[in-house]
Amino acid sequence: MVQTPLFAQGIYDFQLETLNGKQASLKEYKGKALLIVNTASRCGYTPQYQELQSLYETYKSKGLVLLGFPSNDFGGQEPGSNQEIAKFCQQNYGVTFPMFSKGPVSGSGKQPLFKYLTEGTEADLKGEVNWNFEKFLVDKKGKVVARFRSSVEPKSKPVIDAVEKALK
């Protein structure tokens, strides 16, 4: 009997719900580099939204899409509803990049995309999300190529270098 691998799907096979409740497929981002970030509105790292938005504006015309995934997993720092999160992001940081429904990014109940990102990637990129604002970089071919912990600023040299390489 042939067994289906745990991660038979690729990054583009995920169907997700946006903050406004619409269904979206990551297939629409095929051929683009993705920076996937778990977010929270009441975290010490929340000001990273500003740099994330700036990074998105700088590189979107070159093929970068930034995807935000709010989560209340760490310290209860994302208590709001999807509507409250959308309003917060727009009013405080002018966020225009795609944001998805709040959901778990760690533990046994984590959403399938984060299960893929933390368990179905290269060995040195595997492992649980430790806190808000961890970043996963996916190249234009759909391969997870880098991971940055919360303390790594979105416009830091390591992130910029990795984004530029992923866009080639």
N, C-alpha and C. Protein backbone atom coordinates (compact mmCIF):
# COMPACT_ATOMS: atom_id res chain seq x y z
N MET A 1 0.84 -1.18 0.00
CA MET A 1 0.00 0.00 0.00
C MET A 1 0.89 1.24 0.00
N VAL A 2 0.56 2.21 -0.86
CA VAL A 2 1.31 3.46 -0.95
C VAL A 2 0.74 4.45 0.06
N GLN A 3 1.61 5.05 0.84
CA GLN A 3 1.17 6.04 1.81
C GLN A 3 1.37 7.44 1.25
N THR A 4 0.42 8.29 1.51
CA THR A 4 0.54 9.69 1.12
C THR A 4 1.47 10.37 2.11
N PRO A 5 2.47 11.09 1.62
CA PRO A 5 3.35 11.80 2.55
C PRO A 5 2.55 12.78 3.41
N LEU A 6 3.08 13.06 4.59
CA LEU A 6 2.42 13.99 5.50
C LEU A 6 2.13 15.33 4.83
N PHE A 7 3.07 15.79 4.00
CA PHE A 7 2.90 17.07 3.34
C PHE A 7 2.92 16.88 1.84
N ALA A 8 1.87 16.24 1.32
CA ALA A 8 1.76 16.01 -0.12
C ALA A 8 1.47 17.32 -0.84
N GLN A 9 0.98 18.31 -0.11
CA GLN A 9 0.65 19.57 -0.74
C GLN A 9 1.82 20.53 -0.65
N GLY A 10 1.78 21.52 -1.50
CA GLY A 10 2.77 22.58 -1.47
C GLY A 10 2.14 23.84 -0.91
N ILE A 11 2.92 24.88 -0.81
CA ILE A 11 2.46 26.14 -0.22
C ILE A 11 1.25 26.71 -0.96
N TYR A 12 1.16 26.47 -2.26
CA TYR A 12 0.08 27.06 -3.05
C TYR A 12 -1.24 26.30 -2.94
N ASP A 13 -1.25 25.18 -2.24
CA ASP A 13 -2.46 24.37 -2.12
C ASP A 13 -3.34 24.75 -0.94
N PHE A 14 -2.95 25.76 -0.19
CA PHE A 14 -3.74 26.14 0.99
C PHE A 14 -4.86 27.10 0.64
N GLN A 15 -6.05 26.79 1.15
CA GLN A 15 -7.22 27.66 1.07
C GLN A 15 -7.36 28.29 2.44
N LEU A 16 -7.50 29.59 2.50
CA LEU A 16 -7.53 30.31 3.76
C LEU A 16 -8.66 31.32 3.78
N GLU A 17 -9.01 31.77 4.97
CA GLU A 17 -10.02 32.80 5.11
C GLU A 17 -9.35 34.12 5.45
N THR A 18 -9.75 35.18 4.77
CA THR A 18 -9.20 36.51 5.03
C THR A 18 -9.87 37.12 6.25
N LEU A 19 -9.32 38.25 6.71
CA LEU A 19 -9.91 38.94 7.87
C LEU A 19 -11.37 39.32 7.63
N ASN A 20 -11.72 39.59 6.36
CA ASN A 20 -13.11 39.98 6.08
C ASN A 20 -14.01 38.78 5.76
N GLY A 21 -13.51 37.56 6.02
CA GLY A 21 -14.34 36.37 5.90
C GLY A 21 -14.42 35.75 4.52
N LYS A 22 -13.66 36.26 3.56
CA LYS A 22 -13.67 35.69 2.20
C LYS A 22 -12.65 34.56 2.11
N GLN A 23 -12.94 33.60 1.25
CA GLN A 23 -12.00 32.50 1.00
C GLN A 23 -10.94 32.97 0.01
N ALA A 24 -9.71 32.57 0.25
CA ALA A 24 -8.61 32.93 -0.64
C ALA A 24 -7.70 31.71 -0.77
N SER A 25 -7.12 31.58 -1.93
CA SER A 25 -6.18 30.50 -2.19
C SER A 25 -4.78 31.08 -2.35
N LEU A 26 -3.79 30.40 -1.79
CA LEU A 26 -2.42 30.87 -2.00
C LEU A 26 -1.98 30.67 -3.44
N LYS A 27 -2.78 29.93 -4.24
CA LYS A 27 -2.47 29.77 -5.67
C LYS A 27 -2.39 31.12 -6.37
N GLU A 28 -3.15 32.09 -5.88
CA GLU A 28 -3.13 33.40 -6.53
C GLU A 28 -1.78 34.10 -6.40
N TYR A 29 -0.91 33.57 -5.54
CA TYR A 29 0.41 34.16 -5.35
C TYR A 29 1.52 33.33 -6.00
N LYS A 30 1.14 32.36 -6.79
CA LYS A 30 2.12 31.50 -7.47
C LYS A 30 3.04 32.38 -8.33
N GLY A 31 4.33 32.12 -8.25
CA GLY A 31 5.31 32.90 -9.00
C GLY A 31 5.77 34.16 -8.28
N LYS A 32 5.27 34.37 -7.08
CA LYS A 32 5.69 35.52 -6.28
C LYS A 32 6.43 35.01 -5.04
N ALA A 33 7.25 35.86 -4.48
CA ALA A 33 7.88 35.54 -3.19
C ALA A 33 6.90 35.95 -2.10
N LEU A 34 6.84 35.15 -1.03
CA LEU A 34 5.91 35.42 0.06
C LEU A 34 6.68 35.60 1.36
N LEU A 35 6.29 36.59 2.13
CA LEU A 35 6.79 36.73 3.49
C LEU A 35 5.57 36.54 4.39
N ILE A 36 5.53 35.41 5.09
CA ILE A 36 4.40 35.03 5.93
C ILE A 36 4.76 35.33 7.38
N VAL A 37 3.90 36.12 8.04
CA VAL A 37 4.20 36.61 9.39
C VAL A 37 3.02 36.36 10.31
N ASN A 38 3.26 35.80 11.49
CA ASN A 38 2.20 35.73 12.49
C ASN A 38 2.25 37.02 13.30
N THR A 39 1.10 37.62 13.51
CA THR A 39 1.04 38.97 14.07
C THR A 39 0.19 39.02 15.35
N ALA A 40 0.28 40.14 16.04
CA ALA A 40 -0.54 40.41 17.22
C ALA A 40 -0.57 41.93 17.45
N SER A 41 -1.70 42.42 17.90
CA SER A 41 -1.91 43.86 18.05
C SER A 41 -1.42 44.45 19.36
N ARG A 42 -1.16 43.61 20.36
CA ARG A 42 -0.77 44.13 21.67
C ARG A 42 0.56 43.55 22.14
N CYS A 43 1.48 43.43 21.24
CA CYS A 43 2.77 42.81 21.51
C CYS A 43 3.86 43.89 21.45
N GLY A 44 4.95 43.66 22.13
CA GLY A 44 6.08 44.58 22.05
C GLY A 44 6.63 44.69 20.63
N TYR A 45 6.37 43.67 19.81
CA TYR A 45 6.83 43.69 18.42
C TYR A 45 5.79 44.28 17.46
N THR A 46 4.62 44.67 17.95
CA THR A 46 3.56 45.20 17.10
C THR A 46 4.03 46.34 16.20
N PRO A 47 4.92 47.24 16.65
CA PRO A 47 5.40 48.29 15.73
C PRO A 47 6.06 47.76 14.46
N GLN A 48 6.38 46.45 14.42
CA GLN A 48 6.94 45.88 13.19
C GLN A 48 5.94 45.99 12.03
N TYR A 49 4.66 46.16 12.33
CA TYR A 49 3.68 46.37 11.25
C TYR A 49 4.14 47.50 10.33
N GLN A 50 4.69 48.56 10.90
CA GLN A 50 5.13 49.70 10.10
C GLN A 50 6.22 49.30 9.11
N GLU A 51 7.23 48.57 9.58
CA GLU A 51 8.30 48.11 8.69
C GLU A 51 7.81 47.06 7.70
N LEU A 52 6.88 46.21 8.14
CA LEU A 52 6.32 45.21 7.23
C LEU A 52 5.60 45.90 6.08
N GLN A 53 4.81 46.92 6.41
CA GLN A 53 4.09 47.66 5.37
C GLN A 53 5.07 48.35 4.43
N SER A 54 6.12 48.95 4.97
CA SER A 54 7.14 49.62 4.16
C SER A 54 7.85 48.62 3.25
N LEU A 55 8.20 47.47 3.79
CA LEU A 55 8.85 46.42 3.00
C LEU A 55 7.94 45.98 1.86
N TYR A 56 6.66 45.79 2.16
CA TYR A 56 5.68 45.41 1.16
C TYR A 56 5.59 46.47 0.05
N GLU A 57 5.50 47.72 0.43
CA GLU A 57 5.41 48.80 -0.57
C GLU A 57 6.66 48.88 -1.43
N THR A 58 7.81 48.63 -0.83
CA THR A 58 9.08 48.70 -1.57
C THR A 58 9.21 47.58 -2.59
N TYR A 59 8.78 46.37 -2.22
CA TYR A 59 9.06 45.20 -3.06
C TYR A 59 7.86 44.58 -3.76
N LYS A 60 6.66 45.09 -3.54
CA LYS A 60 5.50 44.43 -4.17
C LYS A 60 5.55 44.50 -5.69
N SER A 61 6.07 45.58 -6.25
CA SER A 61 6.16 45.69 -7.71
C SER A 61 7.20 44.74 -8.29
N LYS A 62 8.09 44.22 -7.42
CA LYS A 62 9.11 43.27 -7.86
C LYS A 62 8.69 41.82 -7.61
N GLY A 63 7.48 41.65 -7.01
CA GLY A 63 6.96 40.29 -6.84
C GLY A 63 6.87 39.78 -5.43
N LEU A 64 7.01 40.64 -4.41
CA LEU A 64 6.87 40.21 -3.02
C LEU A 64 5.44 40.43 -2.54
N VAL A 65 4.89 39.42 -1.89
CA VAL A 65 3.59 39.56 -1.22
C VAL A 65 3.81 39.25 0.25
N LEU A 66 3.34 40.12 1.09
CA LEU A 66 3.42 39.92 2.53
C LEU A 66 2.06 39.43 2.99
N LEU A 67 2.04 38.38 3.81
CA LEU A 67 0.80 37.80 4.30
C LEU A 67 0.82 37.79 5.82
N GLY A 68 -0.18 38.43 6.44
CA GLY A 68 -0.27 38.50 7.89
C GLY A 68 -1.28 37.52 8.45
N PHE A 69 -0.89 36.86 9.55
CA PHE A 69 -1.74 35.86 10.21
C PHE A 69 -1.83 36.17 11.70
N PRO A 70 -2.85 36.90 12.13
CA PRO A 70 -3.01 37.21 13.55
C PRO A 70 -3.21 35.94 14.38
N SER A 71 -2.63 35.96 15.56
CA SER A 71 -2.76 34.82 16.46
C SER A 71 -2.76 35.30 17.91
N ASN A 72 -3.55 34.64 18.71
CA ASN A 72 -3.64 34.96 20.13
C ASN A 72 -2.87 33.94 20.97
N ASP A 73 -1.94 33.22 20.34
CA ASP A 73 -1.23 32.12 21.00
C ASP A 73 -0.28 32.56 22.11
N PHE A 74 0.26 33.75 22.01
CA PHE A 74 1.35 34.14 22.89
C PHE A 74 0.94 35.30 23.79
N GLY A 75 0.70 35.01 25.05
CA GLY A 75 0.39 36.04 26.03
C GLY A 75 -0.96 36.72 25.83
N GLY A 76 -1.85 36.12 25.05
CA GLY A 76 -3.16 36.73 24.81
C GLY A 76 -3.05 38.11 24.19
N GLN A 77 -2.06 38.29 23.31
CA GLN A 77 -1.77 39.62 22.77
C GLN A 77 -2.53 39.94 21.48
N GLU A 78 -3.46 39.07 21.10
CA GLU A 78 -4.34 39.37 19.96
C GLU A 78 -5.76 38.97 20.34
N PRO A 79 -6.36 39.71 21.29
CA PRO A 79 -7.68 39.32 21.78
C PRO A 79 -8.84 39.74 20.88
N GLY A 80 -8.61 40.63 19.94
CA GLY A 80 -9.69 41.20 19.14
C GLY A 80 -10.28 40.24 18.12
N SER A 81 -11.45 40.64 17.61
CA SER A 81 -12.10 39.91 16.52
C SER A 81 -11.39 40.24 15.21
N ASN A 82 -11.71 39.51 14.16
CA ASN A 82 -11.11 39.80 12.85
C ASN A 82 -11.39 41.24 12.44
N GLN A 83 -12.60 41.72 12.68
CA GLN A 83 -12.95 43.10 12.32
C GLN A 83 -12.13 44.11 13.12
N GLU A 84 -11.96 43.85 14.41
CA GLU A 84 -11.16 44.75 15.25
C GLU A 84 -9.70 44.76 14.83
N ILE A 85 -9.19 43.60 14.45
CA ILE A 85 -7.80 43.49 13.99
C ILE A 85 -7.62 44.29 12.70
N ALA A 86 -8.54 44.12 11.76
CA ALA A 86 -8.46 44.84 10.48
C ALA A 86 -8.47 46.35 10.72
N LYS A 87 -9.36 46.81 11.58
CA LYS A 87 -9.46 48.25 11.88
C LYS A 87 -8.17 48.75 12.54
N PHE A 88 -7.65 48.00 13.50
CA PHE A 88 -6.41 48.37 14.19
C PHE A 88 -5.25 48.50 13.19
N CYS A 89 -5.10 47.50 12.35
CA CYS A 89 -3.98 47.49 11.38
C CYS A 89 -4.08 48.66 10.41
N GLN A 90 -5.28 48.93 9.94
CA GLN A 90 -5.47 50.03 8.98
C GLN A 90 -5.26 51.38 9.65
N GLN A 91 -5.89 51.60 10.80
CA GLN A 91 -5.82 52.91 11.46
C GLN A 91 -4.44 53.23 12.01
N ASN A 92 -3.76 52.24 12.56
CA ASN A 92 -2.49 52.51 13.23
C ASN A 92 -1.26 52.36 12.33
N TYR A 93 -1.35 51.50 11.31
CA TYR A 93 -0.17 51.23 10.49
C TYR A 93 -0.42 51.30 8.99
N GLY A 94 -1.63 51.60 8.58
CA GLY A 94 -1.94 51.71 7.16
C GLY A 94 -1.70 50.42 6.39
N VAL A 95 -1.92 49.29 7.04
CA VAL A 95 -1.65 47.98 6.43
C VAL A 95 -2.52 47.76 5.20
N THR A 96 -1.86 47.46 4.09
CA THR A 96 -2.57 47.14 2.85
C THR A 96 -2.26 45.73 2.36
N PHE A 97 -1.29 45.06 3.00
CA PHE A 97 -0.98 43.69 2.57
C PHE A 97 -2.08 42.75 3.05
N PRO A 98 -2.25 41.60 2.40
CA PRO A 98 -3.31 40.66 2.78
C PRO A 98 -3.16 40.16 4.21
N MET A 99 -4.28 40.18 4.91
CA MET A 99 -4.34 39.68 6.29
C MET A 99 -5.40 38.58 6.34
N PHE A 100 -5.11 37.56 7.12
CA PHE A 100 -5.98 36.39 7.19
C PHE A 100 -6.60 36.25 8.57
N SER A 101 -7.61 35.41 8.67
CA SER A 101 -8.34 35.22 9.93
C SER A 101 -7.42 34.80 11.06
N LYS A 102 -7.77 35.29 12.24
CA LYS A 102 -7.02 34.94 13.45
C LYS A 102 -7.13 33.45 13.69
N GLY A 103 -6.00 32.86 14.05
CA GLY A 103 -5.98 31.43 14.34
C GLY A 103 -4.68 31.01 14.97
N PRO A 104 -4.63 29.79 15.49
CA PRO A 104 -3.42 29.31 16.16
C PRO A 104 -2.28 29.04 15.18
N VAL A 105 -1.07 29.37 15.63
CA VAL A 105 0.13 29.15 14.81
C VAL A 105 1.12 28.21 15.51
N SER A 106 0.74 27.73 16.68
CA SER A 106 1.60 26.83 17.43
C SER A 106 0.77 25.77 18.15
N GLY A 107 1.45 24.75 18.64
CA GLY A 107 0.77 23.71 19.39
C GLY A 107 0.03 22.72 18.51
N SER A 108 -0.68 21.82 19.15
CA SER A 108 -1.35 20.74 18.42
C SER A 108 -2.51 21.23 17.55
N GLY A 109 -3.07 22.39 17.87
CA GLY A 109 -4.21 22.90 17.10
C GLY A 109 -3.85 23.93 16.05
N LYS A 110 -2.56 24.08 15.74
CA LYS A 110 -2.16 25.12 14.79
C LYS A 110 -2.80 24.89 13.42
N GLN A 111 -3.08 25.99 12.74
CA GLN A 111 -3.69 25.92 11.42
C GLN A 111 -2.76 25.21 10.45
N PRO A 112 -3.33 24.54 9.44
CA PRO A 112 -2.53 23.71 8.52
C PRO A 112 -1.36 24.44 7.86
N LEU A 113 -1.51 25.70 7.48
CA LEU A 113 -0.40 26.42 6.86
C LEU A 113 0.80 26.47 7.80
N PHE A 114 0.57 26.74 9.07
CA PHE A 114 1.68 26.83 10.02
C PHE A 114 2.22 25.45 10.38
N LYS A 115 1.39 24.44 10.28
CA LYS A 115 1.88 23.06 10.43
C LYS A 115 2.88 22.78 9.30
N TYR A 116 2.52 23.18 8.08
CA TYR A 116 3.40 23.01 6.93
C TYR A 116 4.70 23.80 7.13
N LEU A 117 4.58 25.06 7.53
CA LEU A 117 5.77 25.92 7.68
C LEU A 117 6.72 25.43 8.77
N THR A 118 6.17 24.85 9.84
CA THR A 118 7.01 24.46 10.98
C THR A 118 7.41 22.99 10.98
N GLU A 119 6.74 22.17 10.17
CA GLU A 119 7.03 20.74 10.16
C GLU A 119 7.37 20.18 8.78
N GLY A 120 6.97 20.85 7.74
CA GLY A 120 7.15 20.32 6.39
C GLY A 120 8.22 21.00 5.57
N THR A 121 9.15 21.66 6.24
CA THR A 121 10.21 22.40 5.54
C THR A 121 11.57 21.78 5.82
N GLU A 122 12.60 22.40 5.30
CA GLU A 122 13.97 21.96 5.53
C GLU A 122 14.25 21.87 7.03
N ALA A 123 15.11 20.97 7.40
CA ALA A 123 15.40 20.71 8.82
C ALA A 123 15.78 21.96 9.60
N ASP A 124 16.61 22.81 9.01
CA ASP A 124 17.06 24.00 9.76
C ASP A 124 15.99 25.08 9.87
N LEU A 125 14.85 24.90 9.19
CA LEU A 125 13.76 25.87 9.27
C LEU A 125 12.58 25.34 10.10
N LYS A 126 12.66 24.08 10.49
CA LYS A 126 11.58 23.46 11.26
C LYS A 126 11.58 23.94 12.70
N GLY A 127 10.45 23.71 13.36
CA GLY A 127 10.33 24.01 14.78
C GLY A 127 9.17 24.94 15.05
N GLU A 128 8.68 24.85 16.25
CA GLU A 128 7.52 25.66 16.65
C GLU A 128 7.78 27.16 16.52
N VAL A 129 6.72 27.89 16.24
CA VAL A 129 6.75 29.34 16.32
C VAL A 129 6.87 29.67 17.80
N ASN A 130 7.81 30.53 18.15
CA ASN A 130 8.07 30.84 19.55
C ASN A 130 7.35 32.08 20.07
N TRP A 131 6.99 33.00 19.18
CA TRP A 131 6.36 34.24 19.61
C TRP A 131 5.76 34.94 18.41
N ASN A 132 5.10 36.05 18.66
CA ASN A 132 4.50 36.86 17.59
C ASN A 132 5.59 37.43 16.67
N PHE A 133 5.21 37.66 15.44
CA PHE A 133 6.05 38.29 14.42
C PHE A 133 7.24 37.45 13.98
N GLU A 134 7.08 36.13 13.98
CA GLU A 134 8.06 35.29 13.29
C GLU A 134 7.74 35.39 11.80
N LYS A 135 8.78 35.28 10.97
CA LYS A 135 8.64 35.50 9.54
C LYS A 135 9.19 34.31 8.77
N PHE A 136 8.41 33.85 7.79
CA PHE A 136 8.81 32.75 6.92
C PHE A 136 8.87 33.31 5.49
N LEU A 137 10.00 33.11 4.82
CA LEU A 137 10.15 33.59 3.45
C LEU A 137 10.06 32.42 2.49
N VAL A 138 9.19 32.58 1.49
CA VAL A 138 8.97 31.57 0.46
C VAL A 138 9.42 32.16 -0.87
N ASP A 139 10.24 31.42 -1.62
CA ASP A 139 10.72 31.96 -2.90
C ASP A 139 9.65 31.82 -3.98
N LYS A 140 9.96 32.30 -5.19
CA LYS A 140 8.99 32.32 -6.28
C LYS A 140 8.58 30.92 -6.75
N LYS A 141 9.34 29.91 -6.36
CA LYS A 141 9.01 28.54 -6.75
C LYS A 141 8.19 27.83 -5.67
N GLY A 142 7.90 28.53 -4.57
CA GLY A 142 7.08 27.96 -3.52
C GLY A 142 7.84 27.24 -2.43
N LYS A 143 9.15 27.42 -2.38
CA LYS A 143 9.97 26.75 -1.36
C LYS A 143 10.25 27.72 -0.21
N VAL A 144 10.07 27.23 1.02
CA VAL A 144 10.42 28.03 2.19
C VAL A 144 11.94 28.08 2.25
N VAL A 145 12.50 29.30 2.16
CA VAL A 145 13.94 29.46 2.04
C VAL A 145 14.59 30.15 3.23
N ALA A 146 13.80 30.79 4.08
CA ALA A 146 14.37 31.47 5.24
C ALA A 146 13.30 31.63 6.31
N ARG A 147 13.80 31.78 7.53
CA ARG A 147 12.92 31.99 8.67
C ARG A 147 13.61 32.97 9.60
N PHE A 148 12.85 33.93 10.09
CA PHE A 148 13.40 34.96 10.97
C PHE A 148 12.56 35.02 12.25
N ARG A 149 13.22 35.00 13.38
CA ARG A 149 12.54 35.07 14.66
C ARG A 149 11.99 36.48 14.89
N SER A 150 11.19 36.61 15.91
CA SER A 150 10.48 37.85 16.22
C SER A 150 11.38 39.07 16.32
N SER A 151 12.54 38.92 16.92
CA SER A 151 13.42 40.06 17.17
C SER A 151 14.09 40.60 15.90
N VAL A 152 14.02 39.86 14.81
CA VAL A 152 14.64 40.32 13.56
C VAL A 152 13.69 41.30 12.88
N GLU A 153 14.14 42.53 12.78
CA GLU A 153 13.31 43.60 12.19
C GLU A 153 13.06 43.33 10.69
N PRO A 154 11.87 43.63 10.22
CA PRO A 154 11.53 43.37 8.81
C PRO A 154 12.44 44.07 7.80
N LYS A 155 12.98 45.22 8.14
CA LYS A 155 13.84 45.93 7.19
C LYS A 155 15.32 45.81 7.55
N SER A 156 15.66 44.77 8.33
CA SER A 156 17.06 44.52 8.66
C SER A 156 17.78 43.94 7.44
N LYS A 157 19.07 44.04 7.45
CA LYS A 157 19.88 43.54 6.33
C LYS A 157 19.62 42.06 6.04
N PRO A 158 19.57 41.18 7.05
CA PRO A 158 19.33 39.76 6.73
C PRO A 158 17.99 39.53 6.00
N VAL A 159 16.96 40.24 6.41
CA VAL A 159 15.65 40.07 5.76
C VAL A 159 15.69 40.65 4.34
N ILE A 160 16.20 41.84 4.20
CA ILE A 160 16.27 42.49 2.87
C ILE A 160 17.09 41.62 1.92
N ASP A 161 18.25 41.13 2.37
CA ASP A 161 19.09 40.29 1.51
C ASP A 161 18.36 39.02 1.09
N ALA A 162 17.66 38.39 2.03
CA ALA A 162 16.93 37.15 1.72
C ALA A 162 15.77 37.43 0.77
N VAL A 163 15.06 38.53 0.97
CA VAL A 163 13.95 38.90 0.08
C VAL A 163 14.47 39.14 -1.33
N GLU A 164 15.54 39.92 -1.46
CA GLU A 164 16.09 40.20 -2.78
C GLU A 164 16.55 38.92 -3.48
N LYS A 165 17.14 38.02 -2.74
CA LYS A 165 17.56 36.73 -3.32
C LYS A 165 16.34 35.92 -3.75
N ALA A 166 15.29 35.90 -2.93
CA ALA A 166 14.08 35.14 -3.26
C ALA A 166 13.34 35.70 -4.46
N LEU A 167 13.53 36.99 -4.73
CA LEU A 167 12.86 37.63 -5.86
C LEU A 167 13.57 37.39 -7.20
N LYS A 168 14.79 36.85 -7.15
CA LYS A 168 15.55 36.61 -8.40
C LYS A 168 15.02 35.43 -9.15
